Amino acid sequence: MKIALPSRQNLIDDHFGHCEYFTVFTIDNNKKEIVSQETVASPEGCGCKSNIAQTLSEMGVKFLLAGNMGEGAVNVLNNSGIEVLRGCSGDVKEVALNWINGFLVDSGDSCHEHEHGCHN
């Protein structure tokens, strides 16, 4: 199983649509440990309007662990077969390990400042 995390300098990027890259971890079949790690370049532009959901889905990503994102991005990812868990922060590997150990729950928080993504 694969999980993806929008990243900036090995930390969860709070702005899904503007992250530097995605960290993709492959988790063993028993969901107990990380067996590999790779990075995927972030497409230019807003995350929900790019092809990133399709790209991650084609790689076998089933979960995206994120800081915050708009409902449009959540819907695009869900429609590509990727479940989204929001409210994550910190080191990407620590977040992935916390998810593996069942310590993370979706915050339900969405960014509403713009209909297409999260901006400050």
PDB file of N, CA and C in Angstrom:
ATOM      1  N   MET A   1       0.839  -1.173   0.000  1.00  0.00           N
ATOM      2  CA  MET A   1       0.000   0.000   0.000  1.00  0.00           C
ATOM      3  C   MET A   1       0.883   1.236   0.000  1.00  0.00           C
ATOM      4  N   LYS A   2       0.406   2.288  -0.679  1.00  0.00           N
ATOM      5  CA  LYS A   2       1.165   3.534  -0.723  1.00  0.00           C
ATOM      6  C   LYS A   2       0.348   4.680  -0.145  1.00  0.00           C
ATOM      7  N   ILE A   3       1.065   5.564   0.565  1.00  0.00           N
ATOM      8  CA  ILE A   3       0.467   6.787   1.085  1.00  0.00           C
ATOM      9  C   ILE A   3       1.303   7.955   0.590  1.00  0.00           C
ATOM     10  N   ALA A   4       0.663   9.098   0.376  1.00  0.00           N
ATOM     11  CA  ALA A   4       1.366  10.288  -0.106  1.00  0.00           C
ATOM     12  C   ALA A   4       1.147  11.436   0.875  1.00  0.00           C
ATOM     13  N   LEU A   5       2.176  12.280   0.984  1.00  0.00           N
ATOM     14  CA  LEU A   5       2.111  13.438   1.875  1.00  0.00           C
ATOM     15  C   LEU A   5       2.630  14.667   1.133  1.00  0.00           C
ATOM     16  N   PRO A   6       1.821  15.742   1.009  1.00  0.00           N
ATOM     17  CA  PRO A   6       2.309  16.972   0.388  1.00  0.00           C
ATOM     18  C   PRO A   6       3.438  17.524   1.257  1.00  0.00           C
ATOM     19  N   SER A   7       4.603  17.780   0.657  1.00  0.00           N
ATOM     20  CA  SER A   7       5.797  18.053   1.452  1.00  0.00           C
ATOM     21  C   SER A   7       6.542  19.310   1.032  1.00  0.00           C
ATOM     22  N   ARG A   8       7.259  19.849   2.011  1.00  0.00           N
ATOM     23  CA  ARG A   8       8.183  20.969   1.814  1.00  0.00           C
ATOM     24  C   ARG A   8       9.280  20.775   2.852  1.00  0.00           C
ATOM     25  N   GLN A   9      10.488  20.521   2.403  1.00  0.00           N
ATOM     26  CA  GLN A   9      11.646  20.321   3.286  1.00  0.00           C
ATOM     27  C   GLN A   9      11.390  19.218   4.325  1.00  0.00           C
ATOM     28  N   ASN A  10      10.845  18.106   3.870  1.00  0.00           N
ATOM     29  CA  ASN A  10      10.550  16.926   4.693  1.00  0.00           C
ATOM     30  C   ASN A  10       9.495  17.159   5.770  1.00  0.00           C
ATOM     31  N   LEU A  11       8.729  18.227   5.637  1.00  0.00           N
ATOM     32  CA  LEU A  11       7.612  18.516   6.542  1.00  0.00           C
ATOM     33  C   LEU A  11       6.321  18.511   5.741  1.00  0.00           C
ATOM     34  N   ILE A  12       5.202  18.235   6.424  1.00  0.00           N
ATOM     35  CA  ILE A  12       3.897  18.359   5.767  1.00  0.00           C
ATOM     36  C   ILE A  12       3.718  19.815   5.364  1.00  0.00           C
ATOM     37  N   ASP A  13       3.382  20.050   4.107  1.00  0.00           N
ATOM     38  CA  ASP A  13       3.110  21.399   3.633  1.00  0.00           C
ATOM     39  C   ASP A  13       1.638  21.693   3.878  1.00  0.00           C
ATOM     40  N   ASP A  14       1.351  22.793   4.575  1.00  0.00           N
ATOM     41  CA  ASP A  14      -0.034  23.154   4.891  1.00  0.00           C
ATOM     42  C   ASP A  14      -0.859  23.477   3.662  1.00  0.00           C
ATOM     43  N   HIS A  15      -0.205  23.766   2.551  1.00  0.00           N
ATOM     44  CA  HIS A  15      -0.921  24.157   1.341  1.00  0.00           C
ATOM     45  C   HIS A  15      -0.758  23.075   0.275  1.00  0.00           C
ATOM     46  N   PHE A  16      -1.663  22.115   0.292  1.00  0.00           N
ATOM     47  CA  PHE A  16      -1.635  20.970  -0.622  1.00  0.00           C
ATOM     48  C   PHE A  16      -1.334  21.375  -2.058  1.00  0.00           C
ATOM     49  N   GLY A  17      -2.026  22.367  -2.565  1.00  0.00           N
ATOM     50  CA  GLY A  17      -1.906  22.763  -3.966  1.00  0.00           C
ATOM     51  C   GLY A  17      -0.623  23.475  -4.321  1.00  0.00           C
ATOM     52  N   HIS A  18       0.193  23.799  -3.320  1.00  0.00           N
ATOM     53  CA  HIS A  18       1.416  24.547  -3.581  1.00  0.00           C
ATOM     54  C   HIS A  18       2.640  23.892  -2.951  1.00  0.00           C
ATOM     55  N   CYS A  19       2.549  22.609  -2.636  1.00  0.00           N
ATOM     56  CA  CYS A  19       3.687  21.938  -2.008  1.00  0.00           C
ATOM     57  C   CYS A  19       4.847  21.819  -2.985  1.00  0.00           C
ATOM     58  N   GLU A  20       6.066  21.639  -2.444  1.00  0.00           N
ATOM     59  CA  GLU A  20       7.249  21.478  -3.299  1.00  0.00           C
ATOM     60  C   GLU A  20       7.231  20.142  -4.016  1.00  0.00           C
ATOM     61  N   TYR A  21       6.789  19.093  -3.311  1.00  0.00           N
ATOM     62  CA  TYR A  21       6.775  17.735  -3.843  1.00  0.00           C
ATOM     63  C   TYR A  21       5.878  16.869  -2.955  1.00  0.00           C
ATOM     64  N   PHE A  22       5.622  15.662  -3.390  1.00  0.00           N
ATOM     65  CA  PHE A  22       4.871  14.696  -2.592  1.00  0.00           C
ATOM     66  C   PHE A  22       5.827  13.597  -2.162  1.00  0.00           C
ATOM     67  N   THR A  23       5.815  13.275  -0.871  1.00  0.00           N
ATOM     68  CA  THR A  23       6.575  12.136  -0.379  1.00  0.00           C
ATOM     69  C   THR A  23       5.634  10.942  -0.428  1.00  0.00           C
ATOM     70  N   VAL A  24       6.062   9.860  -1.074  1.00  0.00           N
ATOM     71  CA  VAL A  24       5.240   8.659  -1.190  1.00  0.00           C
ATOM     72  C   VAL A  24       5.955   7.532  -0.455  1.00  0.00           C
ATOM     73  N   PHE A  25       5.264   6.985   0.535  1.00  0.00           N
ATOM     74  CA  PHE A  25       5.796   5.862   1.299  1.00  0.00           C
ATOM     75  C   PHE A  25       5.066   4.591   0.884  1.00  0.00           C
ATOM     76  N   THR A  26       5.805   3.519   0.698  1.00  0.00           N
ATOM     77  CA  THR A  26       5.209   2.201   0.490  1.00  0.00           C
ATOM     78  C   THR A  26       5.211   1.507   1.842  1.00  0.00           C
ATOM     79  N   ILE A  27       4.044   1.015   2.232  1.00  0.00           N
ATOM     80  CA  ILE A  27       3.849   0.355   3.521  1.00  0.00           C
ATOM     81  C   ILE A  27       3.719  -1.148   3.277  1.00  0.00           C
ATOM     82  N   ASP A  28       4.312  -1.955   4.131  1.00  0.00           N
ATOM     83  CA  ASP A  28       4.228  -3.410   3.949  1.00  0.00           C
ATOM     84  C   ASP A  28       2.784  -3.893   4.044  1.00  0.00           C
ATOM     85  N   ASN A  29       2.529  -5.113   3.588  1.00  0.00           N
ATOM     86  CA  ASN A  29       1.166  -5.657   3.528  1.00  0.00           C
ATOM     87  C   ASN A  29       0.493  -5.762   4.892  1.00  0.00           C
ATOM     88  N   ASN A  30       1.275  -5.840   5.952  1.00  0.00           N
ATOM     89  CA  ASN A  30       0.701  -5.930   7.298  1.00  0.00           C
ATOM     90  C   ASN A  30       0.436  -4.556   7.910  1.00  0.00           C
ATOM     91  N   LYS A  31       0.713  -3.489   7.139  1.00  0.00           N
ATOM     92  CA  LYS A  31       0.543  -2.110   7.614  1.00  0.00           C
ATOM     93  C   LYS A  31       1.298  -1.884   8.915  1.00  0.00           C
ATOM     94  N   LYS A  32       2.536  -2.378   8.965  1.00  0.00           N
ATOM     95  CA  LYS A  32       3.336  -2.254  10.185  1.00  0.00           C
ATOM     96  C   LYS A  32       4.576  -1.383  10.005  1.00  0.00           C
ATOM     97  N   GLU A  33       5.107  -1.300   8.761  1.00  0.00           N
ATOM     98  CA  GLU A  33       6.340  -0.539   8.588  1.00  0.00           C
ATOM     99  C   GLU A  33       6.467   0.011   7.175  1.00  0.00           C
ATOM    100  N   ILE A  34       7.301   1.043   7.063  1.00  0.00           N
ATOM    101  CA  ILE A  34       7.615   1.656   5.777  1.00  0.00           C
ATOM    102  C   ILE A  34       8.694   0.808   5.109  1.00  0.00           C
ATOM    103  N   VAL A  35       8.449   0.425   3.849  1.00  0.00           N
ATOM    104  CA  VAL A  35       9.446  -0.378   3.142  1.00  0.00           C
ATOM    105  C   VAL A  35      10.206   0.420   2.080  1.00  0.00           C
ATOM    106  N   SER A  36       9.644   1.548   1.638  1.00  0.00           N
ATOM    107  CA  SER A  36      10.377   2.404   0.709  1.00  0.00           C
ATOM    108  C   SER A  36       9.788   3.809   0.712  1.00  0.00           C
ATOM    109  N   GLN A  37      10.572   4.737   0.176  1.00  0.00           N
ATOM    110  CA  GLN A  37      10.182   6.145   0.121  1.00  0.00           C
ATOM    111  C   GLN A  37      10.623   6.718  -1.210  1.00  0.00           C
ATOM    112  N   GLU A  38       9.777   7.534  -1.823  1.00  0.00           N
ATOM    113  CA  GLU A  38      10.135   8.220  -3.061  1.00  0.00           C
ATOM    114  C   GLU A  38       9.480   9.587  -3.067  1.00  0.00           C
ATOM    115  N   THR A  39       9.936  10.453  -3.947  1.00  0.00           N
ATOM    116  CA  THR A  39       9.310  11.764  -4.075  1.00  0.00           C
ATOM    117  C   THR A  39       8.749  11.916  -5.478  1.00  0.00           C
ATOM    118  N   VAL A  40       7.669  12.668  -5.560  1.00  0.00           N
ATOM    119  CA  VAL A  40       6.998  12.953  -6.825  1.00  0.00           C
ATOM    120  C   VAL A  40       6.922  14.467  -6.943  1.00  0.00           C
ATOM    121  N   ALA A  41       7.395  14.991  -8.043  1.00  0.00           N
ATOM    122  CA  ALA A  41       7.372  16.438  -8.258  1.00  0.00           C
ATOM    123  C   ALA A  41       5.941  16.950  -8.233  1.00  0.00           C
ATOM    124  N   SER A  42       5.762  18.103  -7.635  1.00  0.00           N
ATOM    125  CA  SER A  42       4.452  18.733  -7.584  1.00  0.00           C
ATOM    126  C   SER A  42       4.192  19.468  -8.897  1.00  0.00           C
ATOM    127  N   PRO A  43       3.016  19.270  -9.484  1.00  0.00           N
ATOM    128  CA  PRO A  43       2.712  19.995 -10.727  1.00  0.00           C
ATOM    129  C   PRO A  43       2.524  21.476 -10.447  1.00  0.00           C
ATOM    130  N   GLU A  44       2.756  22.305 -11.453  1.00  0.00           N
ATOM    131  CA  GLU A  44       2.516  23.736 -11.295  1.00  0.00           C
ATOM    132  C   GLU A  44       1.025  23.988 -11.218  1.00  0.00           C
ATOM    133  N   GLY A  45       0.660  25.022 -10.485  1.00  0.00           N
ATOM    134  CA  GLY A  45      -0.740  25.405 -10.392  1.00  0.00           C
ATOM    135  C   GLY A  45      -1.440  24.767  -9.215  1.00  0.00           C
ATOM    136  N   CYS A  46      -2.725  24.974  -9.163  1.00  0.00           N
ATOM    137  CA  CYS A  46      -3.546  24.496  -8.058  1.00  0.00           C
ATOM    138  C   CYS A  46      -3.637  22.973  -8.054  1.00  0.00           C
ATOM    139  N   GLY A  47      -3.485  22.381  -6.905  1.00  0.00           N
ATOM    140  CA  GLY A  47      -3.494  20.926  -6.779  1.00  0.00           C
ATOM    141  C   GLY A  47      -4.742  20.259  -7.313  1.00  0.00           C
ATOM    142  N   CYS A  48      -5.915  20.828  -7.028  1.00  0.00           N
ATOM    143  CA  CYS A  48      -7.164  20.162  -7.422  1.00  0.00           C
ATOM    144  C   CYS A  48      -7.422  20.261  -8.923  1.00  0.00           C
ATOM    145  N   LYS A  49      -6.756  21.192  -9.602  1.00  0.00           N
ATOM    146  CA  LYS A  49      -6.961  21.341 -11.044  1.00  0.00           C
ATOM    147  C   LYS A  49      -5.809  20.743 -11.853  1.00  0.00           C
ATOM    148  N   SER A  50      -4.843  20.161 -11.172  1.00  0.00           N
ATOM    149  CA  SER A  50      -3.708  19.535 -11.861  1.00  0.00           C
ATOM    150  C   SER A  50      -4.020  18.047 -12.058  1.00  0.00           C
ATOM    151  N   ASN A  51      -3.047  17.314 -12.568  1.00  0.00           N
ATOM    152  CA  ASN A  51      -3.235  15.876 -12.769  1.00  0.00           C
ATOM    153  C   ASN A  51      -2.659  15.058 -11.613  1.00  0.00           C
ATOM    154  N   ILE A  52      -2.372  15.700 -10.475  1.00  0.00           N
ATOM    155  CA  ILE A  52      -1.693  14.997  -9.386  1.00  0.00           C
ATOM    156  C   ILE A  52      -2.528  13.849  -8.828  1.00  0.00           C
ATOM    157  N   ALA A  53      -3.836  13.995  -8.746  1.00  0.00           N
ATOM    158  CA  ALA A  53      -4.670  12.904  -8.218  1.00  0.00           C
ATOM    159  C   ALA A  53      -4.542  11.670  -9.109  1.00  0.00           C
ATOM    160  N   GLN A  54      -4.614  11.862 -10.401  1.00  0.00           N
ATOM    161  CA  GLN A  54      -4.481  10.745 -11.338  1.00  0.00           C
ATOM    162  C   GLN A  54      -3.085  10.135 -11.256  1.00  0.00           C
ATOM    163  N   THR A  55      -2.064  10.986 -11.200  1.00  0.00           N
ATOM    164  CA  THR A  55      -0.682  10.504 -11.115  1.00  0.00           C
ATOM    165  C   THR A  55      -0.480   9.645  -9.871  1.00  0.00           C
ATOM    166  N   LEU A  56      -0.923  10.149  -8.717  1.00  0.00           N
ATOM    167  CA  LEU A  56      -0.763   9.393  -7.469  1.00  0.00           C
ATOM    168  C   LEU A  56      -1.566   8.097  -7.498  1.00  0.00           C
ATOM    169  N   SER A  57      -2.773   8.164  -8.033  1.00  0.00           N
ATOM    170  CA  SER A  57      -3.616   6.968  -8.128  1.00  0.00           C
ATOM    171  C   SER A  57      -2.958   5.900  -8.998  1.00  0.00           C
ATOM    172  N   GLU A  58      -2.392   6.315 -10.128  1.00  0.00           N
ATOM    173  CA  GLU A  58      -1.718   5.375 -11.028  1.00  0.00           C
ATOM    174  C   GLU A  58      -0.495   4.736 -10.369  1.00  0.00           C
ATOM    175  N   MET A  59       0.092   5.438  -9.387  1.00  0.00           N
ATOM    176  CA  MET A  59       1.236   4.892  -8.642  1.00  0.00           C
ATOM    177  C   MET A  59       0.796   3.896  -7.573  1.00  0.00           C
ATOM    178  N   GLY A  60      -0.528   3.855  -7.302  1.00  0.00           N
ATOM    179  CA  GLY A  60      -1.034   2.949  -6.280  1.00  0.00           C
ATOM    180  C   GLY A  60      -1.273   3.606  -4.935  1.00  0.00           C
ATOM    181  N   VAL A  61      -1.252   4.933  -4.880  1.00  0.00           N
ATOM    182  CA  VAL A  61      -1.509   5.641  -3.627  1.00  0.00           C
ATOM    183  C   VAL A  61      -2.982   5.476  -3.247  1.00  0.00           C
ATOM    184  N   LYS A  62      -3.217   5.093  -1.995  1.00  0.00           N
ATOM    185  CA  LYS A  62      -4.580   4.897  -1.498  1.00  0.00           C
ATOM    186  C   LYS A  62      -4.984   5.932  -0.455  1.00  0.00           C
ATOM    187  N   PHE A  63      -3.995   6.574   0.191  1.00  0.00           N
ATOM    188  CA  PHE A  63      -4.259   7.578   1.220  1.00  0.00           C
ATOM    189  C   PHE A  63      -3.354   8.776   1.013  1.00  0.00           C
ATOM    190  N   LEU A  64      -3.900   9.980   1.262  1.00  0.00           N
ATOM    191  CA  LEU A  64      -3.119  11.196   1.249  1.00  0.00           C
ATOM    192  C   LEU A  64      -3.252  11.818   2.631  1.00  0.00           C
ATOM    193  N   LEU A  65      -2.132  12.015   3.310  1.00  0.00           N
ATOM    194  CA  LEU A  65      -2.101  12.626   4.636  1.00  0.00           C
ATOM    195  C   LEU A  65      -1.672  14.066   4.457  1.00  0.00           C
ATOM    196  N   ALA A  66      -2.559  15.020   4.768  1.00  0.00           N
ATOM    197  CA  ALA A  66      -2.317  16.421   4.448  1.00  0.00           C
ATOM    198  C   ALA A  66      -2.549  17.324   5.645  1.00  0.00           C
ATOM    199  N   GLY A  67      -2.073  18.554   5.500  1.00  0.00           N
ATOM    200  CA  GLY A  67      -2.342  19.567   6.504  1.00  0.00           C
ATOM    201  C   GLY A  67      -3.748  20.111   6.314  1.00  0.00           C
ATOM    202  N   ASN A  68      -3.936  20.810   5.230  1.00  0.00           N
ATOM    203  CA  ASN A  68      -5.226  21.434   4.950  1.00  0.00           C
ATOM    204  C   ASN A  68      -5.409  21.469   3.438  1.00  0.00           C
ATOM    205  N   MET A  69      -6.650  21.410   3.006  1.00  0.00           N
ATOM    206  CA  MET A  69      -6.952  21.533   1.581  1.00  0.00           C
ATOM    207  C   MET A  69      -8.427  21.839   1.413  1.00  0.00           C
ATOM    208  N   GLY A  70      -8.760  22.371   0.268  1.00  0.00           N
ATOM    209  CA  GLY A  70     -10.150  22.691  -0.025  1.00  0.00           C
ATOM    210  C   GLY A  70     -10.965  21.449  -0.348  1.00  0.00           C
ATOM    211  N   GLU A  71     -12.271  21.588  -0.266  1.00  0.00           N
ATOM    212  CA  GLU A  71     -13.170  20.465  -0.561  1.00  0.00           C
ATOM    213  C   GLU A  71     -13.032  20.000  -2.004  1.00  0.00           C
ATOM    214  N   GLY A  72     -12.720  20.926  -2.922  1.00  0.00           N
ATOM    215  CA  GLY A  72     -12.537  20.541  -4.326  1.00  0.00           C
ATOM    216  C   GLY A  72     -11.415  19.541  -4.479  1.00  0.00           C
ATOM    217  N   ALA A  73     -10.305  19.795  -3.808  1.00  0.00           N
ATOM    218  CA  ALA A  73      -9.166  18.874  -3.869  1.00  0.00           C
ATOM    219  C   ALA A  73      -9.517  17.540  -3.229  1.00  0.00           C
ATOM    220  N   VAL A  74     -10.220  17.576  -2.101  1.00  0.00           N
ATOM    221  CA  VAL A  74     -10.631  16.329  -1.440  1.00  0.00           C
ATOM    222  C   VAL A  74     -11.494  15.506  -2.387  1.00  0.00           C
ATOM    223  N   ASN A  75     -12.445  16.153  -3.055  1.00  0.00           N
ATOM    224  CA  ASN A  75     -13.336  15.447  -3.978  1.00  0.00           C
ATOM    225  C   ASN A  75     -12.587  14.855  -5.160  1.00  0.00           C
ATOM    226  N   VAL A  76     -11.640  15.616  -5.731  1.00  0.00           N
ATOM    227  CA  VAL A  76     -10.860  15.124  -6.864  1.00  0.00           C
ATOM    228  C   VAL A  76     -10.053  13.891  -6.448  1.00  0.00           C
ATOM    229  N   LEU A  77      -9.421  13.962  -5.285  1.00  0.00           N
ATOM    230  CA  LEU A  77      -8.643  12.824  -4.792  1.00  0.00           C
ATOM    231  C   LEU A  77      -9.543  11.621  -4.513  1.00  0.00           C
ATOM    232  N   ASN A  78     -10.671  11.853  -3.839  1.00  0.00           N
ATOM    233  CA  ASN A  78     -11.615  10.761  -3.563  1.00  0.00           C
ATOM    234  C   ASN A  78     -12.102  10.105  -4.841  1.00  0.00           C
ATOM    235  N   ASN A  79     -12.387  10.924  -5.869  1.00  0.00           N
ATOM    236  CA  ASN A  79     -12.855  10.384  -7.143  1.00  0.00           C
ATOM    237  C   ASN A  79     -11.780   9.568  -7.855  1.00  0.00           C
ATOM    238  N   SER A  80     -10.516   9.760  -7.462  1.00  0.00           N
ATOM    239  CA  SER A  80      -9.414   8.979  -8.024  1.00  0.00           C
ATOM    240  C   SER A  80      -9.075   7.778  -7.144  1.00  0.00           C
ATOM    241  N   GLY A  81      -9.912   7.519  -6.132  1.00  0.00           N
ATOM    242  CA  GLY A  81      -9.701   6.358  -5.271  1.00  0.00           C
ATOM    243  C   GLY A  81      -8.727   6.593  -4.133  1.00  0.00           C
ATOM    244  N   ILE A  82      -8.473   7.866  -3.802  1.00  0.00           N
ATOM    245  CA  ILE A  82      -7.543   8.205  -2.724  1.00  0.00           C
ATOM    246  C   ILE A  82      -8.318   8.817  -1.561  1.00  0.00           C
ATOM    247  N   GLU A  83      -8.193   8.200  -0.393  1.00  0.00           N
ATOM    248  CA  GLU A  83      -8.806   8.742   0.819  1.00  0.00           C
ATOM    249  C   GLU A  83      -7.907   9.835   1.369  1.00  0.00           C
ATOM    250  N   VAL A  84      -8.513  10.878   1.935  1.00  0.00           N
ATOM    251  CA  VAL A  84      -7.768  12.023   2.444  1.00  0.00           C
ATOM    252  C   VAL A  84      -7.933  12.124   3.948  1.00  0.00           C
ATOM    253  N   LEU A  85      -6.828  12.363   4.619  1.00  0.00           N
ATOM    254  CA  LEU A  85      -6.841  12.606   6.058  1.00  0.00           C
ATOM    255  C   LEU A  85      -6.179  13.965   6.269  1.00  0.00           C
ATOM    256  N   ARG A  86      -6.946  14.938   6.776  1.00  0.00           N
ATOM    257  CA  ARG A  86      -6.449  16.305   6.973  1.00  0.00           C
ATOM    258  C   ARG A  86      -6.073  16.547   8.433  1.00  0.00           C
ATOM    259  N   GLY A  87      -5.352  17.619   8.657  1.00  0.00           N
ATOM    260  CA  GLY A  87      -4.975  18.005  10.013  1.00  0.00           C
ATOM    261  C   GLY A  87      -3.608  17.519  10.426  1.00  0.00           C
ATOM    262  N   CYS A  88      -2.812  17.041   9.472  1.00  0.00           N
ATOM    263  CA  CYS A  88      -1.478  16.524   9.780  1.00  0.00           C
ATOM    264  C   CYS A  88      -0.458  17.664   9.768  1.00  0.00           C
ATOM    265  N   SER A  89       0.597  17.514  10.556  1.00  0.00           N
ATOM    266  CA  SER A  89       1.689  18.484  10.541  1.00  0.00           C
ATOM    267  C   SER A  89       2.948  17.823  11.072  1.00  0.00           C
ATOM    268  N   GLY A  90       4.085  18.408  10.703  1.00  0.00           N
ATOM    269  CA  GLY A  90       5.359  17.915  11.199  1.00  0.00           C
ATOM    270  C   GLY A  90       6.132  17.120  10.169  1.00  0.00           C
ATOM    271  N   ASP A  91       7.127  16.384  10.658  1.00  0.00           N
ATOM    272  CA  ASP A  91       8.007  15.576   9.828  1.00  0.00           C
ATOM    273  C   ASP A  91       7.208  14.496   9.090  1.00  0.00           C
ATOM    274  N   VAL A  92       7.423  14.370   7.781  1.00  0.00           N
ATOM    275  CA  VAL A  92       6.613  13.449   6.979  1.00  0.00           C
ATOM    276  C   VAL A  92       6.752  11.991   7.429  1.00  0.00           C
ATOM    277  N   LYS A  93       7.951  11.578   7.791  1.00  0.00           N
ATOM    278  CA  LYS A  93       8.123  10.185   8.223  1.00  0.00           C
ATOM    279  C   LYS A  93       7.422   9.931   9.554  1.00  0.00           C
ATOM    280  N   GLU A  94       7.508  10.888  10.483  1.00  0.00           N
ATOM    281  CA  GLU A  94       6.804  10.743  11.764  1.00  0.00           C
ATOM    282  C   GLU A  94       5.297  10.687  11.554  1.00  0.00           C
ATOM    283  N   VAL A  95       4.784  11.530  10.655  1.00  0.00           N
ATOM    284  CA  VAL A  95       3.342  11.515  10.355  1.00  0.00           C
ATOM    285  C   VAL A  95       2.952  10.162   9.775  1.00  0.00           C
ATOM    286  N   ALA A  96       3.748   9.648   8.844  1.00  0.00           N
ATOM    287  CA  ALA A  96       3.456   8.338   8.244  1.00  0.00           C
ATOM    288  C   ALA A  96       3.456   7.245   9.311  1.00  0.00           C
ATOM    289  N   LEU A  97       4.434   7.263  10.205  1.00  0.00           N
ATOM    290  CA  LEU A  97       4.495   6.259  11.275  1.00  0.00           C
ATOM    291  C   LEU A  97       3.315   6.386  12.233  1.00  0.00           C
ATOM    292  N   ASN A  98       2.901   7.619  12.518  1.00  0.00           N
ATOM    293  CA  ASN A  98       1.717   7.814  13.369  1.00  0.00           C
ATOM    294  C   ASN A  98       0.467   7.263  12.694  1.00  0.00           C
ATOM    295  N   TRP A  99       0.372   7.421  11.363  1.00  0.00           N
ATOM    296  CA  TRP A  99      -0.769   6.868  10.632  1.00  0.00           C
ATOM    297  C   TRP A  99      -0.743   5.340  10.697  1.00  0.00           C
ATOM    298  N   ILE A 100       0.437   4.761  10.464  1.00  0.00           N
ATOM    299  CA  ILE A 100       0.573   3.299  10.529  1.00  0.00           C
ATOM    300  C   ILE A 100       0.116   2.772  11.885  1.00  0.00           C
ATOM    301  N   ASN A 101       0.456   3.506  12.939  1.00  0.00           N
ATOM    302  CA  ASN A 101       0.120   3.075  14.297  1.00  0.00           C
ATOM    303  C   ASN A 101      -1.290   3.453  14.726  1.00  0.00           C
ATOM    304  N   GLY A 102      -2.068   4.058  13.815  1.00  0.00           N
ATOM    305  CA  GLY A 102      -3.466   4.367  14.093  1.00  0.00           C
ATOM    306  C   GLY A 102      -3.691   5.579  14.968  1.00  0.00           C
ATOM    307  N   PHE A 103      -2.708   6.490  15.029  1.00  0.00           N
ATOM    308  CA  PHE A 103      -2.820   7.648  15.910  1.00  0.00           C
ATOM    309  C   PHE A 103      -3.438   8.875  15.246  1.00  0.00           C
ATOM    310  N   LEU A 104      -3.713   8.809  13.944  1.00  0.00           N
ATOM    311  CA  LEU A 104      -4.222   9.986  13.237  1.00  0.00           C
ATOM    312  C   LEU A 104      -5.697   9.845  12.894  1.00  0.00           C
ATOM    313  N   VAL A 105      -6.413  10.971  12.983  1.00  0.00           N
ATOM    314  CA  VAL A 105      -7.818  11.033  12.607  1.00  0.00           C
ATOM    315  C   VAL A 105      -8.009  12.277  11.750  1.00  0.00           C
ATOM    316  N   ASP A 106      -8.878  12.194  10.765  1.00  0.00           N
ATOM    317  CA  ASP A 106      -9.144  13.338   9.901  1.00  0.00           C
ATOM    318  C   ASP A 106      -9.736  14.480  10.717  1.00  0.00           C
ATOM    319  N   SER A 107      -9.149  15.672  10.562  1.00  0.00           N
ATOM    320  CA  SER A 107      -9.638  16.844  11.296  1.00  0.00           C
ATOM    321  C   SER A 107     -10.940  17.372  10.705  1.00  0.00           C
ATOM    322  N   GLY A 108     -11.203  17.058   9.430  1.00  0.00           N
ATOM    323  CA  GLY A 108     -12.397  17.573   8.764  1.00  0.00           C
ATOM    324  C   GLY A 108     -12.258  19.019   8.350  1.00  0.00           C
ATOM    325  N   ASP A 109     -11.110  19.639   8.649  1.00  0.00           N
ATOM    326  CA  ASP A 109     -10.912  21.044   8.312  1.00  0.00           C
ATOM    327  C   ASP A 109     -10.644  21.203   6.826  1.00  0.00           C
ATOM    328  N   SER A 110     -11.357  22.152   6.236  1.00  0.00           N
ATOM    329  CA  SER A 110     -11.132  22.487   4.834  1.00  0.00           C
ATOM    330  C   SER A 110     -10.862  23.965   4.729  1.00  0.00           C
ATOM    331  N   CYS A 111     -10.099  24.321   3.740  1.00  0.00           N
ATOM    332  CA  CYS A 111      -9.809  25.723   3.483  1.00  0.00           C
ATOM    333  C   CYS A 111     -10.943  26.288   2.636  1.00  0.00           C
ATOM    334  N   HIS A 112     -11.477  27.434   3.047  1.00  0.00           N
ATOM    335  CA  HIS A 112     -12.620  28.020   2.346  1.00  0.00           C
ATOM    336  C   HIS A 112     -12.321  29.390   1.759  1.00  0.00           C
ATOM    337  N   GLU A 113     -11.053  29.840   1.819  1.00  0.00           N
ATOM    338  CA  GLU A 113     -10.758  31.191   1.381  1.00  0.00           C
ATOM    339  C   GLU A 113     -10.954  31.380  -0.120  1.00  0.00           C
ATOM    340  N   HIS A 114     -10.729  30.335  -0.902  1.00  0.00           N
ATOM    341  CA  HIS A 114     -10.963  30.375  -2.343  1.00  0.00           C
ATOM    342  C   HIS A 114     -11.595  29.046  -2.730  1.00  0.00           C
ATOM    343  N   GLU A 115     -12.466  29.075  -3.719  1.00  0.00           N
ATOM    344  CA  GLU A 115     -13.159  27.857  -4.100  1.00  0.00           C
ATOM    345  C   GLU A 115     -12.215  26.799  -4.682  1.00  0.00           C
ATOM    346  N   HIS A 116     -11.022  27.194  -5.132  1.00  0.00           N
ATOM    347  CA  HIS A 116     -10.150  26.249  -5.799  1.00  0.00           C
ATOM    348  C   HIS A 116      -8.962  25.796  -4.963  1.00  0.00           C
ATOM    349  N   GLY A 117      -8.767  26.328  -3.806  1.00  0.00           N
ATOM    350  CA  GLY A 117      -7.597  25.897  -3.043  1.00  0.00           C
ATOM    351  C   GLY A 117      -7.402  26.729  -1.806  1.00  0.00           C
ATOM    352  N   CYS A 118      -6.244  26.605  -1.224  1.00  0.00           N
ATOM    353  CA  CYS A 118      -5.960  27.255   0.047  1.00  0.00           C
ATOM    354  C   CYS A 118      -4.891  28.332  -0.145  1.00  0.00           C
ATOM    355  N   HIS A 119      -5.214  29.547   0.166  1.00  0.00           N
ATOM    356  CA  HIS A 119      -4.273  30.668   0.040  1.00  0.00           C
ATOM    357  C   HIS A 119      -4.394  31.573   1.254  1.00  0.00           C
ATOM    358  N   ASN A 120      -3.324  32.216   1.595  1.00  0.00           N
ATOM    359  CA  ASN A 120      -3.356  33.230   2.662  1.00  0.00           C
ATOM    360  C   ASN A 120      -2.963  34.565   2.094  1.00  0.00           C
TER     361      ASN A 120
END
